[in-house]
Structures are given as structure tokens and as C-alpha cells.
Protein backbone atom coordinates (compact mmCIF):
# COMPACT_ATOMS: atom_id res chain seq x y z
CA MET A 1 121.59 136.67 111.35
CA ILE A 2 120.93 133.69 109.56
CA ASP A 3 121.35 133.29 105.77
CA PHE A 4 118.55 131.25 104.15
CA TYR A 5 118.69 129.75 100.42
CA THR A 6 115.48 129.06 99.31
CA TRP A 7 113.49 129.01 95.92
CA GLY A 8 109.41 129.05 95.93
CA THR A 9 108.52 125.17 96.50
CA PRO A 10 107.42 123.29 99.72
CA ASN A 11 110.46 122.38 100.91
CA GLY A 12 111.62 126.16 100.25
CA HIS A 13 107.79 127.45 102.31
CA LYS A 14 108.53 124.99 105.26
CA ILE A 15 111.93 127.12 106.72
CA ARG A 16 110.80 130.42 106.01
CA ILE A 17 107.28 129.33 107.74
CA MET A 18 109.65 128.42 111.16
CA LEU A 19 111.92 131.09 110.42
CA GLU A 20 108.79 134.13 109.75
CA ALA A 21 107.18 132.24 113.38
CA CYS A 22 109.73 132.30 115.09
CA GLY A 23 110.59 135.85 115.00
CA PHE A 24 114.19 135.29 113.70
CA GLU A 25 116.18 138.16 112.00
CA TYR A 26 116.89 136.62 108.68
CA GLN A 27 118.54 136.93 105.67
CA LEU A 28 117.05 135.79 101.78
CA HIS A 29 119.24 134.51 99.52
CA ARG A 30 117.06 133.26 96.37
CA VAL A 31 118.53 130.26 94.16
CA ASP A 32 116.74 130.01 90.97
CA ILE A 33 116.84 126.27 90.57
CA LEU A 34 114.85 126.75 87.19
CA ASN A 35 117.94 128.38 86.04
CA ASP A 36 120.49 125.70 87.73
CA GLU A 37 122.19 128.20 89.99
CA GLN A 38 121.54 125.24 92.99
CA PHE A 39 124.79 123.99 91.36
CA LYS A 40 127.03 127.04 92.13
CA PRO A 41 130.24 126.40 93.82
CA GLU A 42 128.78 128.77 96.29
CA PHE A 43 125.55 127.08 97.29
CA LEU A 44 127.41 123.28 96.78
CA ALA A 45 129.59 124.49 99.82
CA ILE A 46 126.69 125.15 101.57
CA SER A 47 124.19 122.59 100.15
CA PRO A 48 126.67 119.63 98.53
CA ASN A 49 123.50 117.60 98.05
CA ASN A 50 122.38 120.80 95.74
CA LYS A 51 119.14 121.31 97.20
CA ILE A 52 117.21 124.28 99.03
CA PRO A 53 116.60 125.47 101.27
CA ALA A 54 119.43 125.82 103.17
CA ILE A 55 120.75 128.52 105.92
CA VAL A 56 123.51 129.45 107.85
CA ASP A 57 123.31 130.77 111.09
CA HIS A 58 125.91 133.22 111.87
CA ASP A 59 125.68 133.18 115.90
CA GLY A 60 125.29 129.45 115.98
CA PRO A 61 126.29 127.00 118.69
CA ASN A 62 129.03 128.50 120.80
CA GLY A 63 128.56 131.39 119.06
CA GLU A 64 130.21 130.22 115.98
CA ALA A 65 128.81 129.92 112.24
CA ILE A 66 126.70 126.72 111.51
CA SER A 67 125.93 125.41 107.55
CA LEU A 68 122.87 123.59 107.43
CA PHE A 69 120.97 121.91 104.51
CA GLU A 70 118.26 118.99 104.80
CA THR A 71 114.19 120.40 105.86
CA GLY A 72 114.43 118.31 108.85
CA ALA A 73 117.90 119.15 110.65
CA ILE A 74 117.19 122.76 110.04
CA LEU A 75 113.36 122.32 111.75
CA LEU A 76 115.14 121.01 114.18
CA TYR A 77 117.80 123.27 115.04
CA LEU A 78 115.42 125.96 114.66
CA ALA A 79 113.08 124.77 117.13
CA GLU A 80 116.39 124.25 119.85
CA LYS A 81 117.66 127.83 119.42
CA SER A 82 114.28 129.33 119.88
CA GLY A 83 112.36 127.05 121.85
CA GLN A 84 109.70 127.39 120.42
CA PHE A 85 107.47 124.46 118.49
CA MET A 86 109.00 121.72 119.56
CA PRO A 87 107.62 120.17 122.93
CA THR A 88 110.04 119.23 125.74
CA GLU A 89 107.62 116.83 127.07
CA PRO A 90 109.16 113.20 125.81
CA LYS A 91 105.28 111.93 124.74
CA ALA A 92 104.16 114.90 122.86
CA TYR A 93 108.26 115.66 121.45
CA TRP A 94 107.85 111.63 119.91
CA GLN A 95 104.77 112.09 118.76
CA VAL A 96 105.29 115.64 116.35
CA MET A 97 108.69 113.96 115.11
CA GLN A 98 107.09 110.52 114.24
CA TRP A 99 104.61 113.23 111.71
CA LEU A 100 108.05 115.01 110.39
CA MET A 101 109.73 111.79 109.61
CA TRP A 102 106.41 110.54 107.89
CA GLN A 103 106.40 114.34 106.25
CA MET A 104 110.24 113.83 105.52
CA GLY A 105 109.83 109.69 103.91
CA GLY A 106 106.84 109.61 102.67
CA PHE A 107 104.32 112.85 102.12
CA GLY A 108 107.05 115.07 100.70
CA PRO A 109 109.14 112.56 98.32
CA MET A 110 105.91 110.72 97.06
CA LEU A 111 103.96 113.92 96.10
CA GLY A 112 107.04 115.24 94.73
CA GLN A 113 106.26 112.94 91.75
CA ALA A 114 103.11 113.22 91.84
CA HIS A 115 104.49 116.81 91.31
CA HIS A 116 107.10 115.51 88.58
CA PHE A 117 105.02 112.87 86.91
CA ASN A 118 101.87 115.71 86.93
CA LYS A 119 103.12 118.30 85.95
CA PHE A 120 106.83 118.71 84.66
CA ALA A 121 107.53 115.32 82.72
CA PRO A 122 108.78 115.85 79.67
CA GLU A 123 106.39 113.13 77.99
CA PRO A 124 102.95 111.86 79.61
CA ILE A 125 103.95 108.68 81.90
CA PRO A 126 100.54 107.05 82.52
CA TYR A 127 101.82 104.23 84.79
CA ALA A 128 104.30 106.61 86.68
CA VAL A 129 100.74 109.40 87.18
CA ASP A 130 98.43 106.37 88.69
CA ARG A 131 101.43 105.76 90.69
CA TYR A 132 101.60 108.50 92.49
CA CYS A 133 98.60 109.89 92.47
CA LYS A 134 97.04 106.66 94.10
CA GLU A 135 100.05 107.20 97.06
CA ALA A 136 98.84 110.69 97.00
CA HIS A 137 95.39 110.00 98.24
CA ARG A 138 96.68 106.89 100.67
CA LEU A 139 98.66 109.16 101.93
CA TRP A 140 96.50 112.35 102.13
CA GLY A 141 93.88 109.74 103.90
CA VAL A 142 96.81 109.14 106.39
CA LEU A 143 97.04 113.17 107.47
CA ASP A 144 92.40 113.18 107.40
CA LYS A 145 92.43 110.35 109.68
CA GLN A 146 94.82 112.13 111.77
CA LEU A 147 93.50 115.40 111.65
CA GLU A 148 89.97 114.47 112.63
CA GLY A 149 89.18 116.71 115.75
CA ARG A 150 92.14 118.12 115.73
CA ASP A 151 93.74 122.01 115.19
CA PHE A 152 97.11 120.88 114.49
CA VAL A 153 98.56 117.24 112.79
CA CYS A 154 99.67 117.16 116.89
CA ASP A 155 98.62 118.34 120.26
CA GLN A 156 99.34 121.49 119.34
CA LEU A 157 100.93 124.03 117.07
CA SER A 158 104.79 122.72 116.19
CA ILE A 159 107.60 122.14 113.37
CA ALA A 160 105.12 119.02 112.12
CA ASP A 161 102.31 121.34 110.55
CA PHE A 162 105.26 123.33 108.91
CA ALA A 163 106.90 120.01 107.10
CA ILE A 164 103.42 118.90 106.46
CA PHE A 165 101.27 122.15 105.13
CA PRO A 166 103.51 123.24 102.80
CA TRP A 167 103.36 120.20 101.02
CA ALA A 168 99.57 119.63 101.54
CA ASN A 169 98.33 122.96 100.05
CA ARG A 170 100.09 122.34 96.45
CA PHE A 171 97.09 120.00 96.10
CA GLU A 172 96.67 120.65 92.49
CA PHE A 173 99.97 119.38 91.27
CA GLN A 174 98.16 116.08 93.34
CA LYS A 175 95.19 116.12 90.72
CA ILE A 176 93.95 116.43 94.39
CA GLU A 177 90.39 117.34 95.27
CA PRO A 178 90.42 118.87 98.76
CA ASP A 179 86.94 118.38 99.78
CA GLN A 180 87.60 115.20 99.48
CA TYR A 181 89.17 115.04 102.50
CA PRO A 182 87.55 117.65 104.81
CA ASN A 183 89.44 117.80 107.80
CA VAL A 184 93.11 118.15 105.35
CA ALA A 185 90.74 120.88 103.44
CA ALA A 186 89.98 122.48 106.90
CA TYR A 187 92.87 122.29 108.29
CA ILE A 188 95.05 124.26 104.92
CA GLU A 189 92.72 127.23 104.95
CA ARG A 190 93.46 127.15 109.06
CA MET A 191 97.08 127.23 108.65
CA LYS A 192 96.83 129.57 105.76
CA SER A 193 95.26 131.94 108.28
CA PHE A 194 98.22 132.91 109.84
CA ASP A 195 99.87 135.77 108.87
CA PHE A 196 103.31 134.33 109.05
CA VAL A 197 102.25 131.49 106.64
CA SER A 198 100.90 133.66 104.69
CA LYS A 199 104.83 136.16 104.50
CA GLY A 200 106.54 132.16 104.44
CA LEU A 201 104.73 131.32 101.32
CA GLU A 202 105.58 134.24 99.26
CA MET A 203 108.41 133.59 96.20
CA PRO A 204 110.97 134.80 97.06
CA SER A 205 111.72 138.31 95.74
CA SER A 206 115.38 139.12 96.20
């Protein structure tokens, strides 16, 4: 059994999509970040960086429990545990790995800043809005080019898609019109057609 601590954010969606896609049995625990539940001592014991999501796998390596935070680490762990969504052939493996790192190092953090300054900043800061909206468009352009002639970010459905898609799916927070990026727009609809993705996008209710 895996205990899964999450909230309705793109980072939370990443892991729930992976859990659903792999068919893992998990117990969902809602961490209401709007009410600072991420700072409770019991959650900090699992995720010392006070960020969701996090997991506790009670059947971890050598049959021992293991707790993990940071979505890239969790996705890689679940891929290895399940033997799914991460190719083993070296060239394909590193292709997926580089796009996972691209999401973690740029696509997520920069779009997260766009979300903040467009939607949640207590007062408008035009310079920040302009900076992060421009960067959002640049990153969407990179993704659109990569998706040209492809169904998925790499040669097959992988953890790179589970990392990237939830951020692209929040395009309205980034002041992005998906039709400007037709390959990404088609990709979003393609990903949403999977039942496990629809389940993964649900707001935590327990």
C-alpha cells in the first residue's frame, strides 16, 4: 500500500496520474495547502521541504517502508517499482530523462511563477507578469517543436508526459491560448483521453 499526500496542483496531478496508470493500490491523503497543512509536523516528517506531493510506500526496497518527496524522484521510483513508463534501452532512457529534467528545471518552475503573478499575487507586478508570460511562451514553443510528428513527448508514453502534461493543462493560468501551439493543443486532448489521466486530475476529496 502507498500513502499518497497531495493537493489539486499540477505537481500533485503528476503522481496521481502515475499511480493510476500503473494500477498501484494507494490511500489518498489531502493536504490543504491553502490552509497551511503542509507545515504540520506529521507532514514535514515525510516531506521536509513542506511541498506536496509525497508518498510513503509501505512495501519499499527490501520490504521496508520508504517515504519520498520531489515529483521527479517519485516518478522514477514508481517507474522502477512497476517496470512501466520508463524505457530501459539506453538512448530512449536518456531521452525521457532529459525531458523529465526539462520539466523539473524549467517548464514547472517558470510556469509556476506565471501562475503566481497572474493569479495569486496580492497586487499586480507588471514586470513579473511580462517576464514569466514571455518565458511561458518560450517554453511552450520548445514543447510544440518537440511534439511535431509525435503523439508523446518521447517515442512512447512515459513519465516525461506525466510530468509535463499537468503543467500544460493549466494554460489559462499562464495566459496561453493553446491554439497558438497546435501540437501542444492536440497533445493535451490526447492525454486527457486516457481514463487514468482523467482520474489523476480529480481534486482530492479525502
